[in-house]
Amino acid sequence: MQSFMETAMARRSIRRFESRSIEEDKLARILEAARWSPSWANTQCWEIVAVESPETLEKLGAELSPKNPATLAIAKGPLTLAICGEKEKSGYYKGTKSTKFGDWLMFDLGLLTQTICLAAHEEGLGSVIVGSFDHDKVNALLEIPDEYEVVALLPMGYPDHAPSPPKRRELSEFCHKEKFGRKG
């Protein structure tokens, strides 16, 4: 088992997978880790649709934006998780938004999605977060109720390549002390 830092630094966005299926016990461990993701006031506003049917995966892949490099990861991969959020639940108190930003579901689903990606990497699987697709058509295809929204698609599988790490900003470029503009 890798340390958290090793896992965080080694995970990559993977867009090409081997054809083999993901074992149920691995997926169960990944989803168990996801279950423990933090959320606004523990609202756990998420729902996940696991898609494995080749026909449905092909249809999902067709709804990505033109030239999206993740199209084949969805259309030809073994599994895609549709990450859904319940609208006006997270960030709300008694039906009233509690922050300047209103619905907090994007933040909560980001935490959930990152947990899934790191847990998948820990299990020897690759994944890539996809947000550029026709949300309305995907909602209809997966029969998502109106009070929910598919926010991201997360294709997952055994990587068939190992990309090198992308360039990252140095801490000194984005970390400020006490006030914005004071570099530490």
Protein backbone atom coordinates (compact mmCIF):
# COMPACT_ATOMS: atom_id res chain seq x y z
CA MET A 1 0.00 0.00 0.00
CA GLN A 2 1.36 3.40 -0.99
CA SER A 3 1.48 6.33 1.37
CA PHE A 4 -1.10 9.05 0.74
CA MET A 5 1.56 11.36 -0.72
CA GLU A 6 2.74 8.64 -3.11
CA THR A 7 -0.85 7.97 -4.20
CA ALA A 8 -1.64 11.68 -4.65
CA MET A 9 1.53 12.33 -6.63
CA ALA A 10 1.35 9.19 -8.80
CA ARG A 11 -2.31 9.36 -9.90
CA ARG A 12 -2.77 10.45 -13.51
CA SER A 13 -5.72 11.08 -15.81
CA ILE A 14 -6.03 7.90 -17.86
CA ARG A 15 -7.97 7.91 -21.12
CA ARG A 16 -7.12 4.46 -22.53
CA PHE A 17 -7.97 1.22 -20.78
CA GLU A 18 -7.46 -2.48 -21.23
CA SER A 19 -10.65 -4.33 -22.17
CA ARG A 20 -10.85 -6.41 -18.99
CA SER A 21 -13.63 -5.79 -16.47
CA ILE A 22 -13.17 -4.34 -13.02
CA GLU A 23 -13.65 -6.90 -10.25
CA GLU A 24 -16.71 -6.30 -8.06
CA ASP A 25 -14.65 -6.37 -4.84
CA LYS A 26 -12.35 -3.61 -6.16
CA LEU A 27 -15.29 -1.44 -7.16
CA ALA A 28 -16.89 -2.08 -3.77
CA ARG A 29 -13.73 -0.89 -1.97
CA ILE A 30 -13.57 2.23 -4.15
CA LEU A 31 -17.21 3.08 -3.47
CA GLU A 32 -16.74 2.37 0.25
CA ALA A 33 -13.93 4.95 0.30
CA ALA A 34 -16.23 7.37 -1.55
CA ARG A 35 -18.93 6.83 1.06
CA TRP A 36 -16.62 8.45 3.62
CA SER A 37 -16.03 11.63 1.61
CA PRO A 38 -16.81 14.82 3.51
CA SER A 39 -19.80 16.95 2.54
CA TRP A 40 -21.58 20.14 3.62
CA ALA A 41 -23.28 19.43 6.97
CA ASN A 42 -22.94 15.72 6.10
CA THR A 43 -25.67 16.10 3.47
CA GLN A 44 -24.06 13.45 1.24
CA CYS A 45 -25.87 14.96 -1.74
CA TRP A 46 -24.41 12.43 -4.18
CA GLU A 47 -25.76 9.54 -6.18
CA ILE A 48 -23.62 7.38 -8.47
CA VAL A 49 -24.80 5.47 -11.54
CA ALA A 50 -22.35 2.69 -12.51
CA VAL A 51 -22.57 2.03 -16.24
CA GLU A 52 -21.03 -1.16 -17.67
CA SER A 53 -23.31 -1.98 -20.61
CA PRO A 54 -21.32 -1.53 -23.86
CA GLU A 55 -24.40 -0.09 -25.58
CA THR A 56 -24.97 2.55 -22.89
CA LEU A 57 -21.24 3.37 -22.70
CA GLU A 58 -21.21 3.94 -26.47
CA LYS A 59 -24.20 6.29 -26.14
CA LEU A 60 -22.53 8.16 -23.25
CA GLY A 61 -19.35 8.58 -25.28
CA ALA A 62 -21.39 10.10 -28.12
CA GLU A 63 -22.55 12.89 -25.79
CA LEU A 64 -19.07 14.27 -25.10
CA SER A 65 -18.01 17.53 -26.68
CA PRO A 66 -16.44 17.18 -30.13
CA LYS A 67 -12.78 16.13 -30.05
CA ASN A 68 -12.93 15.42 -26.29
CA PRO A 69 -9.96 13.09 -25.66
CA ALA A 70 -12.00 11.09 -23.13
CA THR A 71 -14.60 9.95 -25.69
CA LEU A 72 -13.00 6.54 -26.24
CA ALA A 73 -12.34 6.12 -22.50
CA ILE A 74 -16.09 6.15 -22.01
CA ALA A 75 -17.25 4.51 -25.24
CA LYS A 76 -14.74 1.63 -25.13
CA GLY A 77 -13.86 1.40 -21.43
CA PRO A 78 -15.23 -1.20 -19.02
CA LEU A 79 -16.97 1.18 -16.60
CA THR A 80 -18.10 4.78 -16.28
CA LEU A 81 -19.47 6.26 -13.08
CA ALA A 82 -21.98 9.07 -13.54
CA ILE A 83 -21.48 11.38 -10.56
CA CYS A 84 -24.81 13.00 -9.71
CA GLY A 85 -25.78 15.60 -7.15
CA GLU A 86 -29.09 16.45 -5.53
CA LYS A 87 -29.84 20.10 -6.26
CA GLU A 88 -30.49 22.58 -3.41
CA LYS A 89 -29.46 20.16 -0.65
CA SER A 90 -25.80 20.89 0.02
CA GLY A 91 -25.20 24.48 1.08
CA TYR A 92 -28.80 24.96 2.10
CA TYR A 93 -30.38 25.22 5.53
CA LYS A 94 -34.15 24.77 5.78
CA GLY A 95 -34.48 25.43 2.04
CA THR A 96 -32.45 28.66 2.06
CA LYS A 97 -28.99 28.97 0.56
CA SER A 98 -26.40 29.49 3.26
CA THR A 99 -23.48 30.94 1.29
CA LYS A 100 -22.73 33.47 -1.41
CA PHE A 101 -22.25 30.56 -3.79
CA GLY A 102 -25.63 28.92 -3.20
CA ASP A 103 -25.64 25.27 -4.13
CA TRP A 104 -22.55 23.56 -2.72
CA LEU A 105 -23.04 20.33 -4.67
CA MET A 106 -20.11 21.01 -7.03
CA PHE A 107 -17.73 21.25 -4.09
CA ASP A 108 -19.10 18.10 -2.43
CA LEU A 109 -19.04 16.15 -5.69
CA GLY A 110 -15.48 17.33 -6.29
CA LEU A 111 -14.47 15.84 -2.94
CA LEU A 112 -16.30 12.62 -3.74
CA THR A 113 -14.79 12.38 -7.21
CA GLN A 114 -11.25 12.98 -5.95
CA THR A 115 -11.73 10.26 -3.35
CA ILE A 116 -12.90 7.85 -6.06
CA CYS A 117 -9.93 8.70 -8.31
CA LEU A 118 -7.40 8.19 -5.51
CA ALA A 119 -9.05 4.96 -4.34
CA ALA A 120 -9.13 3.67 -7.93
CA HIS A 121 -5.42 4.44 -8.31
CA GLU A 122 -4.75 2.60 -5.05
CA GLU A 123 -6.55 -0.43 -6.57
CA GLY A 124 -4.38 -0.32 -9.72
CA LEU A 125 -7.06 1.35 -11.85
CA GLY A 126 -6.99 4.53 -13.88
CA SER A 127 -9.67 7.18 -14.27
CA VAL A 128 -10.28 10.58 -15.78
CA ILE A 129 -12.80 13.23 -14.70
CA VAL A 130 -15.01 14.35 -17.60
CA GLY A 131 -17.15 17.46 -17.34
CA SER A 132 -17.61 18.52 -20.97
CA PHE A 133 -20.64 16.67 -22.30
CA ASP A 134 -24.31 17.27 -23.09
CA HIS A 135 -25.66 17.15 -19.54
CA ASP A 136 -29.32 17.17 -20.54
CA LYS A 137 -28.91 14.22 -22.92
CA VAL A 138 -26.89 12.24 -20.37
CA ASN A 139 -29.51 12.98 -17.68
CA ALA A 140 -32.19 11.63 -20.05
CA LEU A 141 -30.14 8.59 -21.10
CA LEU A 142 -29.53 7.58 -17.47
CA GLU A 143 -33.08 8.52 -16.37
CA ILE A 144 -31.85 10.99 -13.76
CA PRO A 145 -34.75 12.56 -11.80
CA ASP A 146 -35.24 16.34 -12.19
CA GLU A 147 -34.04 17.10 -8.65
CA TYR A 148 -30.60 15.65 -9.53
CA GLU A 149 -27.93 16.58 -12.05
CA VAL A 150 -25.11 14.56 -13.60
CA VAL A 151 -22.08 16.72 -12.87
CA ALA A 152 -19.23 14.49 -14.06
CA LEU A 153 -18.58 11.25 -15.87
CA LEU A 154 -15.74 9.13 -14.53
CA PRO A 155 -14.52 6.39 -16.87
CA MET A 156 -12.40 3.84 -15.07
CA GLY A 157 -10.41 0.73 -15.90
CA TYR A 158 -7.01 -0.91 -16.04
CA PRO A 159 -4.65 1.59 -17.70
CA ASP A 160 -3.04 0.55 -20.97
CA HIS A 161 -0.43 3.31 -20.70
CA ALA A 162 1.45 5.27 -18.04
CA PRO A 163 1.55 8.99 -18.83
CA SER A 164 4.34 11.09 -17.41
CA PRO A 165 3.45 13.68 -14.78
CA PRO A 166 2.28 17.08 -16.04
CA LYS A 167 4.15 20.21 -15.03
CA ARG A 168 2.89 21.56 -11.70
CA ARG A 169 3.15 25.08 -10.32
CA GLU A 170 5.63 25.56 -7.52
CA LEU A 171 4.20 26.28 -4.04
CA SER A 172 5.76 29.74 -4.15
CA GLU A 173 3.60 30.54 -7.19
CA PHE A 174 0.24 30.06 -5.45
CA CYS A 175 0.77 30.02 -1.70
CA HIS A 176 0.27 33.36 0.08
CA LYS A 177 1.01 34.36 3.68
CA GLU A 178 -1.62 36.25 5.64
CA LYS A 179 -2.87 38.23 2.58
CA PHE A 180 -3.13 37.64 -1.13
CA GLY A 181 0.02 38.80 -2.85
CA ARG A 182 2.36 38.09 0.05
CA LYS A 183 4.30 35.07 -1.07
CA GLY A 184 5.61 32.72 1.56
